[in-house]
Amino acid sequence: MFYNSMMGFGFFIVPFIAIFLFLFVFWIWMLVDCLKRKFKGNNDKLLWVLVLVLGGLIGAILYFFIVYNKKK
């Protein structure tokens, strides 16, 4: 009986873990892109790194739409 209740719990937790991993990889991807990118201003890179680190997922989404999508 305990085993059956744990199977139901796993059914709900696995999608949340997958979504969390996807969002974490997305955040890391944006941070690495920011660190590799050459910015026009002197402090732009520092500013974006701070936005990404302190803003977390919101910062990564902002970076994606404001900076990442503008390349070519």
C-alpha atoms as a PDB file:
ATOM      1  CA  MET A   1       0.000   0.000   0.000  1.00  0.00           C
ATOM      2  CA  PHE A   2       2.830   2.424   0.799  1.00  0.00           C
ATOM      3  CA  TYR A   3       4.466   1.588  -2.527  1.00  0.00           C
ATOM      4  CA  ASN A   4       1.333   2.540  -4.483  1.00  0.00           C
ATOM      5  CA  SER A   5       1.077   5.914  -2.750  1.00  0.00           C
ATOM      6  CA  MET A   6       4.734   6.659  -3.555  1.00  0.00           C
ATOM      7  CA  MET A   7       4.140   5.839  -7.228  1.00  0.00           C
ATOM      8  CA  GLY A   8       1.460   8.544  -7.340  1.00  0.00           C
ATOM      9  CA  PHE A   9       3.837  11.004  -5.701  1.00  0.00           C
ATOM     10  CA  GLY A  10       6.499  10.268  -8.310  1.00  0.00           C
ATOM     11  CA  PHE A  11       3.978  10.928 -11.048  1.00  0.00           C
ATOM     12  CA  PHE A  12       3.638  14.513  -9.823  1.00  0.00           C
ATOM     13  CA  ILE A  13       7.246  15.234  -8.828  1.00  0.00           C
ATOM     14  CA  VAL A  14       9.013  14.093 -12.026  1.00  0.00           C
ATOM     15  CA  PRO A  15       7.556  16.864 -14.260  1.00  0.00           C
ATOM     16  CA  PHE A  16       8.496  19.501 -11.674  1.00  0.00           C
ATOM     17  CA  ILE A  17      12.071  18.225 -11.556  1.00  0.00           C
ATOM     18  CA  ALA A  18      12.249  18.249 -15.365  1.00  0.00           C
ATOM     19  CA  ILE A  19      10.926  21.818 -15.538  1.00  0.00           C
ATOM     20  CA  PHE A  20      13.340  22.954 -12.817  1.00  0.00           C
ATOM     21  CA  LEU A  21      16.298  21.399 -14.661  1.00  0.00           C
ATOM     22  CA  PHE A  22      15.247  23.027 -17.940  1.00  0.00           C
ATOM     23  CA  LEU A  23      14.977  26.458 -16.305  1.00  0.00           C
ATOM     24  CA  PHE A  24      18.327  26.024 -14.539  1.00  0.00           C
ATOM     25  CA  VAL A  25      20.038  25.059 -17.811  1.00  0.00           C
ATOM     26  CA  PHE A  26      18.413  28.067 -19.503  1.00  0.00           C
ATOM     27  CA  TRP A  27      19.768  30.362 -16.757  1.00  0.00           C
ATOM     28  CA  ILE A  28      23.283  28.888 -17.061  1.00  0.00           C
ATOM     29  CA  TRP A  29      23.095  29.219 -20.865  1.00  0.00           C
ATOM     30  CA  MET A  30      22.242  32.939 -20.614  1.00  0.00           C
ATOM     31  CA  LEU A  31      24.972  33.531 -18.011  1.00  0.00           C
ATOM     32  CA  VAL A  32      27.628  31.834 -20.173  1.00  0.00           C
ATOM     33  CA  ASP A  33      26.468  33.813 -23.216  1.00  0.00           C
ATOM     34  CA  CYS A  34      26.719  37.026 -21.236  1.00  0.00           C
ATOM     35  CA  LEU A  35      30.229  36.235 -20.040  1.00  0.00           C
ATOM     36  CA  LYS A  36      31.405  35.439 -23.585  1.00  0.00           C
ATOM     37  CA  ARG A  37      29.680  38.351 -25.336  1.00  0.00           C
ATOM     38  CA  LYS A  38      31.467  41.577 -26.196  1.00  0.00           C
ATOM     39  CA  PHE A  39      29.406  44.588 -25.156  1.00  0.00           C
ATOM     40  CA  LYS A  40      29.747  48.148 -26.452  1.00  0.00           C
ATOM     41  CA  GLY A  41      29.835  49.888 -23.064  1.00  0.00           C
ATOM     42  CA  ASN A  42      32.472  49.376 -20.392  1.00  0.00           C
ATOM     43  CA  ASN A  43      30.072  48.364 -17.636  1.00  0.00           C
ATOM     44  CA  ASP A  44      27.395  46.603 -19.699  1.00  0.00           C
ATOM     45  CA  LYS A  45      28.769  43.121 -19.063  1.00  0.00           C
ATOM     46  CA  LEU A  46      29.013  43.724 -15.318  1.00  0.00           C
ATOM     47  CA  LEU A  47      25.491  45.092 -15.252  1.00  0.00           C
ATOM     48  CA  TRP A  48      24.054  42.100 -17.110  1.00  0.00           C
ATOM     49  CA  VAL A  49      25.950  39.595 -14.973  1.00  0.00           C
ATOM     50  CA  LEU A  50      24.490  41.260 -11.876  1.00  0.00           C
ATOM     51  CA  VAL A  51      21.002  41.172 -13.414  1.00  0.00           C
ATOM     52  CA  LEU A  52      21.404  37.470 -14.187  1.00  0.00           C
ATOM     53  CA  VAL A  53      22.843  36.514 -10.806  1.00  0.00           C
ATOM     54  CA  LEU A  54      20.538  38.620  -8.668  1.00  0.00           C
ATOM     55  CA  GLY A  55      17.467  38.346 -10.889  1.00  0.00           C
ATOM     56  CA  GLY A  56      17.630  34.608 -11.428  1.00  0.00           C
ATOM     57  CA  LEU A  57      15.075  33.354 -13.918  1.00  0.00           C
ATOM     58  CA  ILE A  58      13.515  36.796 -14.424  1.00  0.00           C
ATOM     59  CA  GLY A  59      16.967  38.194 -15.231  1.00  0.00           C
ATOM     60  CA  ALA A  60      17.614  35.362 -17.685  1.00  0.00           C
ATOM     61  CA  ILE A  61      14.315  36.006 -19.451  1.00  0.00           C
ATOM     62  CA  LEU A  62      15.080  39.736 -19.655  1.00  0.00           C
ATOM     63  CA  TYR A  63      18.561  39.018 -21.008  1.00  0.00           C
ATOM     64  CA  PHE A  64      17.145  36.612 -23.582  1.00  0.00           C
ATOM     65  CA  PHE A  65      14.669  39.114 -24.996  1.00  0.00           C
ATOM     66  CA  ILE A  66      16.779  42.278 -24.696  1.00  0.00           C
ATOM     67  CA  VAL A  67      20.290  41.077 -25.592  1.00  0.00           C
ATOM     68  CA  TYR A  68      20.368  37.476 -26.864  1.00  0.00           C
ATOM     69  CA  ASN A  69      17.657  37.854 -29.518  1.00  0.00           C
ATOM     70  CA  LYS A  70      19.285  40.981 -30.965  1.00  0.00           C
ATOM     71  CA  LYS A  71      22.269  39.164 -32.388  1.00  0.00           C
ATOM     72  CA  LYS A  72      21.828  39.262 -36.150  1.00  0.00           C
END
